[in-house]
Amino acid sequence: MHSYIAVPAVALLVFRAYRSESLTSAGIVTATITAVIHALHPWSVFFALLVVFYIGGTSVTKVKHDVKARLTHSSTGASGGEGPRSYIQVLANSGMASLLVFLHYRQLLARGQAGDASQACWPYGGDLLVVGIVSNYAAVVADTFSSELGILSKSKPRLITSWNLREVPPGTNGGVSLVGTLAGYLGAFTIAVTSALLLPFCWSGSNSAAAKLFRDTRSGLQGGREWGAQELLLWVAAVTIWGGLGSLLDSFLGGWLQASVVDARTGKVIEGSGGAMVPVQSPHSKKDEGNASRRVESGLGILDNNGVNIGMAITMSIGGMVAASYIWDVPLRSIF
């Protein structure tokens, strides 16, 4: 991005996070570094994806926040609902993308294409790192939409890791519902559309950059390197589906590896502050009755919510690049 766009854009994003109190102090610092890394890339699309993720995520978090706060408890003793996000949560969702953005910027530098974005375009079957970055944001936005809107479903969620898909309390890790699943695909669709609008595709045409570079005017589906309407529609569909699958993967990992602790008296799920693990024995209860006040609804308790999110984001980013490598017949080693 040009500096005259990047500097005020980063400043506005950080200011919004500060005013809305959506991030902790350390979270704001981490988000600022993340935004700078994205803004340094000559393509504006990656910074735009970060903005869509942040604004979309904070927006759905606020939807019926008072209602969601009554559906769960906080491990701190307060009402439930998502509070300010920590630096670990910022890294869990955008850390992998930041690494891939940096690697792609390095590739452009090596080709001499980092100075002027107008001189470069992304051919069909091009840089796999682009697929990895978009895959990351499609998955984490889908997961955020699914979690924040799915909990409002009038029907009880069902545990995705149980053999009979048994009903579980709202907010249970691994609990899925039709509303939450559809919301996840909606979130992934916002990323798919944003990438389709802003990625510098090598468009089909005899005078296109791809035609000059590869001396081939065929579209990607015809064996060429150019993007046409069909290729673009397939891209939007693939990104949307992949992001939605990322949300389901997060549910599976959460239901399997993350313990969901329930208040035995109210039957409500207890959420860990900043995505941390919830102790089964409440610090607010007497020692002799601590075990009776809480119980584990599901999960092994190996990872906390941040660990699950990191695992999902890395898996979907790498998985997206592996899938594109196979479909486009591009060596996976080209990402280095």
C-alpha atoms as a PDB file:
ATOM      1  CA  MET A   1       0.000   0.000   0.000  1.00  0.00           C
ATOM      2  CA  HIS A   2       1.089   3.552  -0.596  1.00  0.00           C
ATOM      3  CA  SER A   3       2.300   5.234   2.584  1.00  0.00           C
ATOM      4  CA  TYR A   4      -0.245   8.055   2.285  1.00  0.00           C
ATOM      5  CA  ILE A   5      -2.974   5.394   2.497  1.00  0.00           C
ATOM      6  CA  ALA A   6      -1.304   2.935   4.858  1.00  0.00           C
ATOM      7  CA  VAL A   7      -0.413   5.382   7.654  1.00  0.00           C
ATOM      8  CA  PRO A   8      -3.898   6.871   8.192  1.00  0.00           C
ATOM      9  CA  ALA A   9      -5.532   3.473   7.608  1.00  0.00           C
ATOM     10  CA  VAL A  10      -3.458   1.816  10.351  1.00  0.00           C
ATOM     11  CA  ALA A  11      -4.018   4.803  12.652  1.00  0.00           C
ATOM     12  CA  LEU A  12      -7.793   4.674  12.171  1.00  0.00           C
ATOM     13  CA  LEU A  13      -7.899   0.935  12.771  1.00  0.00           C
ATOM     14  CA  VAL A  14      -5.892   1.237  16.000  1.00  0.00           C
ATOM     15  CA  PHE A  15      -7.952   4.239  17.143  1.00  0.00           C
ATOM     16  CA  ARG A  16     -11.184   2.299  16.587  1.00  0.00           C
ATOM     17  CA  ALA A  17      -9.849  -0.602  18.632  1.00  0.00           C
ATOM     18  CA  TYR A  18      -8.904   1.797  21.428  1.00  0.00           C
ATOM     19  CA  ARG A  19     -12.212   3.675  21.461  1.00  0.00           C
ATOM     20  CA  SER A  20     -14.366   0.557  21.254  1.00  0.00           C
ATOM     21  CA  GLU A  21     -12.327  -1.208  23.973  1.00  0.00           C
ATOM     22  CA  SER A  22     -12.445  -4.343  21.857  1.00  0.00           C
ATOM     23  CA  LEU A  23      -8.781  -5.147  22.597  1.00  0.00           C
ATOM     24  CA  THR A  24      -6.623  -5.115  25.698  1.00  0.00           C
ATOM     25  CA  SER A  25      -3.586  -2.806  25.810  1.00  0.00           C
ATOM     26  CA  ALA A  26      -1.282  -5.645  24.756  1.00  0.00           C
ATOM     27  CA  GLY A  27      -3.836  -6.636  22.155  1.00  0.00           C
ATOM     28  CA  ILE A  28      -3.747  -3.146  20.637  1.00  0.00           C
ATOM     29  CA  VAL A  29       0.066  -3.233  20.429  1.00  0.00           C
ATOM     30  CA  THR A  30      -0.028  -6.648  18.757  1.00  0.00           C
ATOM     31  CA  ALA A  31      -2.803  -5.565  16.403  1.00  0.00           C
ATOM     32  CA  THR A  32      -0.782  -2.478  15.441  1.00  0.00           C
ATOM     33  CA  ILE A  33       2.241  -4.595  14.509  1.00  0.00           C
ATOM     34  CA  THR A  34      -0.035  -6.950  12.570  1.00  0.00           C
ATOM     35  CA  ALA A  35      -1.624  -4.044  10.707  1.00  0.00           C
ATOM     36  CA  VAL A  36       1.777  -2.566   9.823  1.00  0.00           C
ATOM     37  CA  ILE A  37       2.960  -5.897   8.380  1.00  0.00           C
ATOM     38  CA  HIS A  38      -0.174  -6.098   6.218  1.00  0.00           C
ATOM     39  CA  ALA A  39       0.076  -2.437   5.170  1.00  0.00           C
ATOM     40  CA  LEU A  40       3.704  -2.771   4.064  1.00  0.00           C
ATOM     41  CA  HIS A  41       2.669  -5.229   1.363  1.00  0.00           C
ATOM     42  CA  PRO A  42       2.191  -3.436  -1.980  1.00  0.00           C
ATOM     43  CA  TRP A  43      -1.198  -5.101  -2.521  1.00  0.00           C
ATOM     44  CA  SER A  44      -4.015  -3.465  -0.536  1.00  0.00           C
ATOM     45  CA  VAL A  45      -6.105  -6.654  -0.462  1.00  0.00           C
ATOM     46  CA  PHE A  46      -4.389  -8.210   2.565  1.00  0.00           C
ATOM     47  CA  PHE A  47      -4.843  -5.131   4.726  1.00  0.00           C
ATOM     48  CA  ALA A  48      -8.461  -5.026   3.568  1.00  0.00           C
ATOM     49  CA  LEU A  49      -8.950  -8.644   4.663  1.00  0.00           C
ATOM     50  CA  LEU A  50      -7.578  -7.744   8.100  1.00  0.00           C
ATOM     51  CA  VAL A  51      -9.995  -4.809   8.309  1.00  0.00           C
ATOM     52  CA  VAL A  52     -12.962  -6.971   7.257  1.00  0.00           C
ATOM     53  CA  PHE A  53     -11.987  -9.539   9.870  1.00  0.00           C
ATOM     54  CA  TYR A  54     -11.687  -6.949  12.638  1.00  0.00           C
ATOM     55  CA  ILE A  55     -14.781  -4.894  11.823  1.00  0.00           C
ATOM     56  CA  GLY A  56     -16.891  -7.938  10.986  1.00  0.00           C
ATOM     57  CA  GLY A  57     -15.751  -9.770  14.110  1.00  0.00           C
ATOM     58  CA  THR A  58     -16.393  -6.871  16.491  1.00  0.00           C
ATOM     59  CA  SER A  59     -19.757  -6.186  14.845  1.00  0.00           C
ATOM     60  CA  VAL A  60     -21.130  -9.714  15.285  1.00  0.00           C
ATOM     61  CA  THR A  61     -19.739  -9.795  18.837  1.00  0.00           C
ATOM     62  CA  LYS A  62     -21.982  -6.839  19.684  1.00  0.00           C
ATOM     63  CA  VAL A  63     -25.118  -8.425  18.174  1.00  0.00           C
ATOM     64  CA  LYS A  64     -27.483  -9.038  21.118  1.00  0.00           C
ATOM     65  CA  HIS A  65     -24.529  -8.896  23.472  1.00  0.00           C
ATOM     66  CA  ASP A  66     -26.813  -8.603  26.485  1.00  0.00           C
ATOM     67  CA  VAL A  67     -28.622 -11.783  25.466  1.00  0.00           C
ATOM     68  CA  LYS A  68     -25.364 -13.688  24.940  1.00  0.00           C
ATOM     69  CA  ALA A  69     -24.073 -12.471  28.294  1.00  0.00           C
ATOM     70  CA  ARG A  70     -26.987 -14.257  29.997  1.00  0.00           C
ATOM     71  CA  LEU A  71     -26.361 -17.550  28.186  1.00  0.00           C
ATOM     72  CA  THR A  72     -22.912 -18.207  29.681  1.00  0.00           C
ATOM     73  CA  HIS A  73     -20.811 -17.371  32.735  1.00  0.00           C
ATOM     74  CA  SER A  74     -17.310 -15.936  32.900  1.00  0.00           C
ATOM     75  CA  SER A  75     -14.583 -17.691  34.865  1.00  0.00           C
ATOM     76  CA  THR A  76     -13.924 -14.357  36.577  1.00  0.00           C
ATOM     77  CA  GLY A  77     -17.356 -14.482  38.188  1.00  0.00           C
ATOM     78  CA  ALA A  78     -18.960 -11.907  35.897  1.00  0.00           C
ATOM     79  CA  SER A  79     -21.646 -12.514  33.286  1.00  0.00           C
ATOM     80  CA  GLY A  80     -20.671 -14.226  30.059  1.00  0.00           C
ATOM     81  CA  GLY A  81     -20.072 -12.729  26.657  1.00  0.00           C
ATOM     82  CA  GLU A  82     -16.856 -11.847  24.851  1.00  0.00           C
ATOM     83  CA  GLY A  83     -14.768  -9.168  26.556  1.00  0.00           C
ATOM     84  CA  PRO A  84     -11.741  -7.306  25.159  1.00  0.00           C
ATOM     85  CA  ARG A  85      -9.539  -9.652  23.136  1.00  0.00           C
ATOM     86  CA  SER A  86      -5.979 -10.281  24.294  1.00  0.00           C
ATOM     87  CA  TYR A  87      -2.758 -10.228  22.284  1.00  0.00           C
ATOM     88  CA  ILE A  88      -2.819 -14.029  22.206  1.00  0.00           C
ATOM     89  CA  GLN A  89      -6.242 -13.974  20.564  1.00  0.00           C
ATOM     90  CA  VAL A  90      -4.972 -11.474  17.982  1.00  0.00           C
ATOM     91  CA  LEU A  91      -2.022 -13.747  17.166  1.00  0.00           C
ATOM     92  CA  ALA A  92      -4.226 -16.851  17.114  1.00  0.00           C
ATOM     93  CA  ASN A  93      -6.356 -15.365  14.348  1.00  0.00           C
ATOM     94  CA  SER A  94      -3.898 -13.294  12.312  1.00  0.00           C
ATOM     95  CA  GLY A  95      -0.426 -14.547  13.233  1.00  0.00           C
ATOM     96  CA  MET A  96      -0.267 -17.158  10.473  1.00  0.00           C
ATOM     97  CA  ALA A  97      -1.598 -14.663   7.928  1.00  0.00           C
ATOM     98  CA  SER A  98       1.040 -12.108   8.972  1.00  0.00           C
ATOM     99  CA  LEU A  99       3.795 -14.663   8.390  1.00  0.00           C
ATOM    100  CA  LEU A 100       2.446 -15.530   4.934  1.00  0.00           C
ATOM    101  CA  VAL A 101       2.050 -11.833   4.027  1.00  0.00           C
ATOM    102  CA  PHE A 102       5.700 -11.273   4.943  1.00  0.00           C
ATOM    103  CA  LEU A 103       6.826 -14.282   2.878  1.00  0.00           C
ATOM    104  CA  HIS A 104       4.847 -13.082  -0.140  1.00  0.00           C
ATOM    105  CA  TYR A 105       6.266  -9.584   0.190  1.00  0.00           C
ATOM    106  CA  ARG A 106       9.723 -11.141   0.170  1.00  0.00           C
ATOM    107  CA  GLN A 107       8.840 -13.021  -3.033  1.00  0.00           C
ATOM    108  CA  LEU A 108       7.725  -9.808  -4.716  1.00  0.00           C
ATOM    109  CA  LEU A 109      10.955  -8.118  -3.645  1.00  0.00           C
ATOM    110  CA  ALA A 110      12.969 -10.942  -5.186  1.00  0.00           C
ATOM    111  CA  ARG A 111      11.110 -10.474  -8.480  1.00  0.00           C
ATOM    112  CA  GLY A 112      11.414  -6.703  -8.410  1.00  0.00           C
ATOM    113  CA  GLN A 113       7.619  -6.326  -8.181  1.00  0.00           C
ATOM    114  CA  ALA A 114       7.346  -4.810  -4.709  1.00  0.00           C
ATOM    115  CA  GLY A 115       7.772  -1.193  -5.747  1.00  0.00           C
ATOM    116  CA  ASP A 116       4.745  -0.655  -7.985  1.00  0.00           C
ATOM    117  CA  ALA A 117       1.712  -2.879  -7.500  1.00  0.00           C
ATOM    118  CA  SER A 118       0.267  -1.768 -10.836  1.00  0.00           C
ATOM    119  CA  GLN A 119       3.087  -3.549 -12.644  1.00  0.00           C
ATOM    120  CA  ALA A 120       2.195  -6.971 -11.236  1.00  0.00           C
ATOM    121  CA  CYS A 121      -0.837  -9.191 -11.477  1.00  0.00           C
ATOM    122  CA  TRP A 122      -1.730 -12.555  -9.986  1.00  0.00           C
ATOM    123  CA  PRO A 123      -2.044 -15.247 -12.669  1.00  0.00           C
ATOM    124  CA  TYR A 124      -4.295 -18.273 -12.448  1.00  0.00           C
ATOM    125  CA  GLY A 125      -2.202 -20.954 -10.775  1.00  0.00           C
ATOM    126  CA  GLY A 126       0.061 -18.252  -9.364  1.00  0.00           C
ATOM    127  CA  ASP A 127       1.536 -17.674  -5.899  1.00  0.00           C
ATOM    128  CA  LEU A 128       0.268 -20.245  -3.417  1.00  0.00           C
ATOM    129  CA  LEU A 129       0.957 -17.882  -0.530  1.00  0.00           C
ATOM    130  CA  VAL A 130      -1.970 -15.742  -1.679  1.00  0.00           C
ATOM    131  CA  VAL A 131      -4.241 -18.761  -1.309  1.00  0.00           C
ATOM    132  CA  GLY A 132      -2.879 -19.386   2.186  1.00  0.00           C
ATOM    133  CA  ILE A 133      -3.531 -15.813   3.332  1.00  0.00           C
ATOM    134  CA  VAL A 134      -7.087 -15.719   1.998  1.00  0.00           C
ATOM    135  CA  SER A 135      -7.743 -19.203   3.428  1.00  0.00           C
ATOM    136  CA  ASN A 136      -6.633 -18.023   6.873  1.00  0.00           C
ATOM    137  CA  TYR A 137      -9.022 -15.090   6.940  1.00  0.00           C
ATOM    138  CA  ALA A 138     -11.915 -17.026   5.412  1.00  0.00           C
ATOM    139  CA  ALA A 139     -11.589 -19.622   8.183  1.00  0.00           C
ATOM    140  CA  VAL A 140     -11.156 -17.283  11.167  1.00  0.00           C
ATOM    141  CA  VAL A 141     -13.964 -14.959  10.054  1.00  0.00           C
ATOM    142  CA  ALA A 142     -16.237 -17.968   9.501  1.00  0.00           C
ATOM    143  CA  ASP A 143     -15.387 -19.236  12.985  1.00  0.00           C
ATOM    144  CA  THR A 144     -16.067 -15.832  14.559  1.00  0.00           C
ATOM    145  CA  PHE A 145     -19.420 -15.421  12.800  1.00  0.00           C
ATOM    146  CA  SER A 146     -20.403 -18.985  13.660  1.00  0.00           C
ATOM    147  CA  SER A 147     -19.552 -18.624  17.358  1.00  0.00           C
ATOM    148  CA  GLU A 148     -21.031 -15.182  17.900  1.00  0.00           C
ATOM    149  CA  LEU A 149     -24.272 -15.710  15.956  1.00  0.00           C
ATOM    150  CA  GLY A 150     -24.744 -19.440  16.415  1.00  0.00           C
ATOM    151  CA  ILE A 151     -25.086 -19.077  20.175  1.00  0.00           C
ATOM    152  CA  LEU A 152     -28.285 -17.096  19.518  1.00  0.00           C
ATOM    153  CA  SER A 153     -29.944 -20.061  17.804  1.00  0.00           C
ATOM    154  CA  LYS A 154     -33.321 -20.952  19.294  1.00  0.00           C
ATOM    155  CA  SER A 155     -32.485 -24.634  18.998  1.00  0.00           C
ATOM    156  CA  LYS A 156     -29.860 -26.184  21.271  1.00  0.00           C
ATOM    157  CA  PRO A 157     -26.476 -26.899  19.650  1.00  0.00           C
ATOM    158  CA  ARG A 158     -25.369 -30.474  19.124  1.00  0.00           C
ATOM    159  CA  LEU A 159     -21.921 -31.782  19.973  1.00  0.00           C
ATOM    160  CA  ILE A 160     -20.085 -32.506  16.713  1.00  0.00           C
ATOM    161  CA  THR A 161     -17.723 -35.003  18.377  1.00  0.00           C
ATOM    162  CA  SER A 162     -20.447 -37.160  19.957  1.00  0.00           C
ATOM    163  CA  TRP A 163     -21.612 -40.302  18.154  1.00  0.00           C
ATOM    164  CA  ASN A 164     -25.276 -39.296  18.487  1.00  0.00           C
ATOM    165  CA  LEU A 165     -24.829 -35.521  18.130  1.00  0.00           C
ATOM    166  CA  ARG A 166     -26.276 -35.004  21.601  1.00  0.00           C
ATOM    167  CA  GLU A 167     -27.644 -31.653  22.692  1.00  0.00           C
ATOM    168  CA  VAL A 168     -25.338 -29.437  24.760  1.00  0.00           C
ATOM    169  CA  PRO A 169     -25.697 -26.012  26.445  1.00  0.00           C
ATOM    170  CA  PRO A 170     -25.150 -22.881  24.287  1.00  0.00           C
ATOM    171  CA  GLY A 171     -21.491 -21.910  24.185  1.00  0.00           C
ATOM    172  CA  THR A 172     -20.192 -25.474  24.452  1.00  0.00           C
ATOM    173  CA  ASN A 173     -16.996 -26.033  22.469  1.00  0.00           C
ATOM    174  CA  GLY A 174     -17.858 -28.289  19.555  1.00  0.00           C
ATOM    175  CA  GLY A 175     -21.544 -27.400  19.688  1.00  0.00           C
ATOM    176  CA  VAL A 176     -22.938 -26.782  16.212  1.00  0.00           C
ATOM    177  CA  SER A 177     -26.288 -25.555  14.930  1.00  0.00           C
ATOM    178  CA  LEU A 178     -27.775 -24.743  11.544  1.00  0.00           C
ATOM    179  CA  VAL A 179     -27.784 -21.027  12.381  1.00  0.00           C
ATOM    180  CA  GLY A 180     -24.138 -21.109  13.416  1.00  0.00           C
ATOM    181  CA  THR A 181     -23.070 -23.105  10.362  1.00  0.00           C
ATOM    182  CA  LEU A 182     -24.856 -20.755   7.962  1.00  0.00           C
ATOM    183  CA  ALA A 183     -23.412 -17.742   9.789  1.00  0.00           C
ATOM    184  CA  GLY A 184     -19.947 -19.226   9.336  1.00  0.00           C
ATOM    185  CA  TYR A 185     -20.421 -19.534   5.595  1.00  0.00           C
ATOM    186  CA  LEU A 186     -21.703 -15.947   5.508  1.00  0.00           C
ATOM    187  CA  GLY A 187     -18.504 -14.794   7.202  1.00  0.00           C
ATOM    188  CA  ALA A 188     -16.354 -16.759   4.752  1.00  0.00           C
ATOM    189  CA  PHE A 189     -18.344 -15.241   1.882  1.00  0.00           C
ATOM    190  CA  THR A 190     -17.446 -11.704   3.010  1.00  0.00           C
ATOM    191  CA  ILE A 191     -13.760 -12.628   2.734  1.00  0.00           C
ATOM    192  CA  ALA A 192     -14.295 -14.341  -0.628  1.00  0.00           C
ATOM    193  CA  VAL A 193     -16.001 -11.254  -2.083  1.00  0.00           C
ATOM    194  CA  THR A 194     -13.396  -8.870  -0.639  1.00  0.00           C
ATOM    195  CA  SER A 195     -10.567 -10.901  -2.164  1.00  0.00           C
ATOM    196  CA  ALA A 196     -12.410 -11.128  -5.491  1.00  0.00           C
ATOM    197  CA  LEU A 197     -12.793  -7.346  -5.609  1.00  0.00           C
ATOM    198  CA  LEU A 198      -9.256  -6.400  -4.577  1.00  0.00           C
ATOM    199  CA  LEU A 199      -6.843  -9.128  -5.690  1.00  0.00           C
ATOM    200  CA  PRO A 200      -4.827  -7.999  -8.752  1.00  0.00           C
ATOM    201  CA  PHE A 201      -5.967 -10.829 -11.016  1.00  0.00           C
ATOM    202  CA  CYS A 202      -4.402 -11.258 -14.442  1.00  0.00           C
ATOM    203  CA  TRP A 203      -7.595 -10.791 -16.413  1.00  0.00           C
ATOM    204  CA  SER A 204      -8.218 -12.423 -19.767  1.00  0.00           C
ATOM    205  CA  GLY A 205      -7.687 -10.396 -22.925  1.00  0.00           C
ATOM    206  CA  SER A 206      -5.154 -10.050 -25.678  1.00  0.00           C
ATOM    207  CA  ASN A 207      -3.636  -6.936 -24.078  1.00  0.00           C
ATOM    208  CA  SER A 208      -3.639  -8.250 -20.500  1.00  0.00           C
ATOM    209  CA  ALA A 209      -0.548  -8.423 -18.340  1.00  0.00           C
ATOM    210  CA  ALA A 210      -0.747 -12.211 -18.382  1.00  0.00           C
ATOM    211  CA  ALA A 211      -0.811 -12.290 -22.165  1.00  0.00           C
ATOM    212  CA  LYS A 212       2.309 -10.137 -22.306  1.00  0.00           C
ATOM    213  CA  LEU A 213       4.056 -12.086 -19.557  1.00  0.00           C
ATOM    214  CA  PHE A 214       3.138 -15.655 -20.520  1.00  0.00           C
ATOM    215  CA  ARG A 215       2.245 -15.085 -24.204  1.00  0.00           C
ATOM    216  CA  ASP A 216      -0.918 -17.054 -23.574  1.00  0.00           C
ATOM    217  CA  THR A 217      -4.448 -15.649 -23.821  1.00  0.00           C
ATOM    218  CA  ARG A 218      -6.215 -18.786 -22.606  1.00  0.00           C
ATOM    219  CA  SER A 219      -8.185 -18.676 -19.364  1.00  0.00           C
ATOM    220  CA  GLY A 220      -7.219 -20.829 -16.411  1.00  0.00           C
ATOM    221  CA  LEU A 221      -9.915 -23.445 -17.018  1.00  0.00           C
ATOM    222  CA  GLN A 222      -8.651 -23.771 -20.597  1.00  0.00           C
ATOM    223  CA  GLY A 223      -5.130 -24.488 -19.412  1.00  0.00           C
ATOM    224  CA  GLY A 224      -3.883 -20.886 -19.488  1.00  0.00           C
ATOM    225  CA  ARG A 225      -2.844 -18.376 -16.814  1.00  0.00           C
ATOM    226  CA  GLU A 226      -5.596 -15.750 -17.085  1.00  0.00           C
ATOM    227  CA  TRP A 227      -8.643 -15.179 -14.924  1.00  0.00           C
ATOM    228  CA  GLY A 228     -12.096 -14.885 -16.429  1.00  0.00           C
ATOM    229  CA  ALA A 229     -15.640 -14.763 -15.053  1.00  0.00           C
ATOM    230  CA  GLN A 230     -15.838 -18.529 -14.556  1.00  0.00           C
ATOM    231  CA  GLU A 231     -12.539 -18.696 -12.716  1.00  0.00           C
ATOM    232  CA  LEU A 232     -13.591 -15.808 -10.484  1.00  0.00           C
ATOM    233  CA  LEU A 233     -16.919 -17.437  -9.571  1.00  0.00           C
ATOM    234  CA  LEU A 234     -15.128 -20.677  -8.746  1.00  0.00           C
ATOM    235  CA  TRP A 235     -12.675 -18.728  -6.591  1.00  0.00           C
ATOM    236  CA  VAL A 236     -15.491 -17.120  -4.579  1.00  0.00           C
ATOM    237  CA  ALA A 237     -17.239 -20.477  -4.157  1.00  0.00           C
ATOM    238  CA  ALA A 238     -14.035 -22.289  -3.165  1.00  0.00           C
ATOM    239  CA  VAL A 239     -13.015 -19.644  -0.605  1.00  0.00           C
ATOM    240  CA  THR A 240     -16.506 -19.618   0.905  1.00  0.00           C
ATOM    241  CA  ILE A 241     -16.678 -23.401   1.199  1.00  0.00           C
ATOM    242  CA  TRP A 242     -13.124 -23.658   2.543  1.00  0.00           C
ATOM    243  CA  GLY A 243     -13.767 -20.990   5.172  1.00  0.00           C
ATOM    244  CA  GLY A 244     -16.956 -22.726   6.292  1.00  0.00           C
ATOM    245  CA  LEU A 245     -15.060 -26.004   6.609  1.00  0.00           C
ATOM    246  CA  GLY A 246     -12.532 -24.171   8.774  1.00  0.00           C
ATOM    247  CA  SER A 247     -15.303 -23.210  11.178  1.00  0.00           C
ATOM    248  CA  LEU A 248     -16.429 -26.844  11.368  1.00  0.00           C
ATOM    249  CA  LEU A 249     -12.821 -27.948  11.948  1.00  0.00           C
ATOM    250  CA  ASP A 250     -12.580 -25.466  14.805  1.00  0.00           C
ATOM    251  CA  SER A 251     -15.748 -26.951  16.300  1.00  0.00           C
ATOM    252  CA  PHE A 252     -14.348 -30.468  15.998  1.00  0.00           C
ATOM    253  CA  LEU A 253     -11.003 -29.526  17.557  1.00  0.00           C
ATOM    254  CA  GLY A 254     -12.754 -27.574  20.295  1.00  0.00           C
ATOM    255  CA  GLY A 255     -15.158 -30.389  21.094  1.00  0.00           C
ATOM    256  CA  TRP A 256     -12.353 -32.933  21.181  1.00  0.00           C
ATOM    257  CA  LEU A 257      -9.335 -31.146  22.692  1.00  0.00           C
ATOM    258  CA  GLN A 258     -10.825 -28.234  24.660  1.00  0.00           C
ATOM    259  CA  ALA A 259     -12.723 -28.866  27.883  1.00  0.00           C
ATOM    260  CA  SER A 260     -16.130 -27.216  28.196  1.00  0.00           C
ATOM    261  CA  VAL A 261     -16.798 -26.563  31.874  1.00  0.00           C
ATOM    262  CA  VAL A 262     -20.399 -26.106  33.007  1.00  0.00           C
ATOM    263  CA  ASP A 263     -21.762 -24.548  36.167  1.00  0.00           C
ATOM    264  CA  ALA A 264     -23.543 -27.486  37.785  1.00  0.00           C
ATOM    265  CA  ARG A 265     -26.148 -25.257  39.429  1.00  0.00           C
ATOM    266  CA  THR A 266     -27.250 -23.252  36.387  1.00  0.00           C
ATOM    267  CA  GLY A 267     -26.215 -25.590  33.573  1.00  0.00           C
ATOM    268  CA  LYS A 268     -24.482 -22.704  31.790  1.00  0.00           C
ATOM    269  CA  VAL A 269     -21.061 -22.921  30.130  1.00  0.00           C
ATOM    270  CA  ILE A 270     -18.237 -21.052  31.868  1.00  0.00           C
ATOM    271  CA  GLU A 271     -16.001 -19.085  29.502  1.00  0.00           C
ATOM    272  CA  GLY A 272     -12.304 -18.562  30.182  1.00  0.00           C
ATOM    273  CA  SER A 273     -11.014 -14.999  30.231  1.00  0.00           C
ATOM    274  CA  GLY A 274      -9.059 -14.230  27.068  1.00  0.00           C
ATOM    275  CA  GLY A 275      -9.671 -17.739  25.735  1.00  0.00           C
ATOM    276  CA  ALA A 276      -7.806 -19.391  28.637  1.00  0.00           C
ATOM    277  CA  MET A 277      -8.673 -22.760  30.173  1.00  0.00           C
ATOM    278  CA  VAL A 278     -11.394 -22.835  32.792  1.00  0.00           C
ATOM    279  CA  PRO A 279     -10.500 -24.616  36.052  1.00  0.00           C
ATOM    280  CA  VAL A 280     -12.972 -27.270  37.078  1.00  0.00           C
ATOM    281  CA  GLN A 281     -12.705 -26.107  40.696  1.00  0.00           C
ATOM    282  CA  SER A 282     -14.047 -22.593  41.032  1.00  0.00           C
ATOM    283  CA  PRO A 283     -11.752 -20.115  42.791  1.00  0.00           C
ATOM    284  CA  HIS A 284     -14.920 -18.491  44.197  1.00  0.00           C
ATOM    285  CA  SER A 285     -16.134 -21.669  45.884  1.00  0.00           C
ATOM    286  CA  LYS A 286     -15.095 -23.238  49.138  1.00  0.00           C
ATOM    287  CA  LYS A 287     -12.496 -25.950  48.788  1.00  0.00           C
ATOM    288  CA  ASP A 288     -14.769 -28.758  49.903  1.00  0.00           C
ATOM    289  CA  GLU A 289     -17.551 -27.869  47.489  1.00  0.00           C
ATOM    290  CA  GLY A 290     -15.505 -26.715  44.507  1.00  0.00           C
ATOM    291  CA  ASN A 291     -15.781 -29.979  42.574  1.00  0.00           C
ATOM    292  CA  ALA A 292     -19.542 -29.992  43.011  1.00  0.00           C
ATOM    293  CA  SER A 293     -20.057 -26.533  41.545  1.00  0.00           C
ATOM    294  CA  ARG A 294     -18.560 -27.300  38.136  1.00  0.00           C
ATOM    295  CA  ARG A 295     -18.431 -30.258  35.781  1.00  0.00           C
ATOM    296  CA  VAL A 296     -16.831 -31.011  32.424  1.00  0.00           C
ATOM    297  CA  GLU A 297     -19.439 -31.217  29.678  1.00  0.00           C
ATOM    298  CA  SER A 298     -17.065 -32.371  26.932  1.00  0.00           C
ATOM    299  CA  GLY A 299     -13.458 -32.270  25.729  1.00  0.00           C
ATOM    300  CA  LEU A 300     -10.120 -33.576  26.951  1.00  0.00           C
ATOM    301  CA  GLY A 301      -8.754 -30.284  28.266  1.00  0.00           C
ATOM    302  CA  ILE A 302      -5.522 -30.491  26.273  1.00  0.00           C
ATOM    303  CA  LEU A 303      -5.819 -27.078  24.588  1.00  0.00           C
ATOM    304  CA  ASP A 304      -7.464 -23.791  25.476  1.00  0.00           C
ATOM    305  CA  ASN A 305      -9.523 -21.787  23.009  1.00  0.00           C
ATOM    306  CA  ASN A 306      -6.483 -19.925  21.688  1.00  0.00           C
ATOM    307  CA  GLY A 307      -4.659 -23.178  20.993  1.00  0.00           C
ATOM    308  CA  VAL A 308      -7.648 -24.492  19.075  1.00  0.00           C
ATOM    309  CA  ASN A 309      -7.868 -21.290  17.016  1.00  0.00           C
ATOM    310  CA  ILE A 310      -4.151 -21.341  16.210  1.00  0.00           C
ATOM    311  CA  GLY A 311      -4.325 -24.989  15.174  1.00  0.00           C
ATOM    312  CA  MET A 312      -7.337 -24.368  12.967  1.00  0.00           C
ATOM    313  CA  ALA A 313      -5.861 -21.266  11.296  1.00  0.00           C
ATOM    314  CA  ILE A 314      -2.551 -23.000  10.523  1.00  0.00           C
ATOM    315  CA  THR A 315      -4.292 -26.129   9.250  1.00  0.00           C
ATOM    316  CA  MET A 316      -6.651 -24.237   6.936  1.00  0.00           C
ATOM    317  CA  SER A 317      -3.889 -21.951   5.620  1.00  0.00           C
ATOM    318  CA  ILE A 318      -1.519 -24.812   4.830  1.00  0.00           C
ATOM    319  CA  GLY A 319      -4.388 -27.009   3.674  1.00  0.00           C
ATOM    320  CA  GLY A 320      -5.561 -24.322   1.250  1.00  0.00           C
ATOM    321  CA  MET A 321      -2.080 -24.057  -0.249  1.00  0.00           C
ATOM    322  CA  VAL A 322      -1.773 -27.844  -0.509  1.00  0.00           C
ATOM    323  CA  ALA A 323      -5.147 -28.079  -2.263  1.00  0.00           C
ATOM    324  CA  ALA A 324      -4.244 -25.273  -4.681  1.00  0.00           C
ATOM    325  CA  SER A 325      -0.856 -26.899  -5.306  1.00  0.00           C
ATOM    326  CA  TYR A 326      -2.606 -30.123  -6.326  1.00  0.00           C
ATOM    327  CA  ILE A 327      -5.334 -28.500  -8.429  1.00  0.00           C
ATOM    328  CA  TRP A 328      -3.012 -26.056 -10.185  1.00  0.00           C
ATOM    329  CA  ASP A 329      -0.074 -28.471 -10.380  1.00  0.00           C
ATOM    330  CA  VAL A 330       2.212 -25.936  -8.716  1.00  0.00           C
ATOM    331  CA  PRO A 331       5.076 -27.249  -6.520  1.00  0.00           C
ATOM    332  CA  LEU A 332       4.433 -26.571  -2.835  1.00  0.00           C
ATOM    333  CA  ARG A 333       8.092 -25.618  -2.409  1.00  0.00           C
ATOM    334  CA  SER A 334       7.347 -22.468  -4.434  1.00  0.00           C
ATOM    335  CA  ILE A 335       6.091 -20.791  -1.255  1.00  0.00           C
ATOM    336  CA  PHE A 336       9.685 -20.467  -0.005  1.00  0.00           C
END
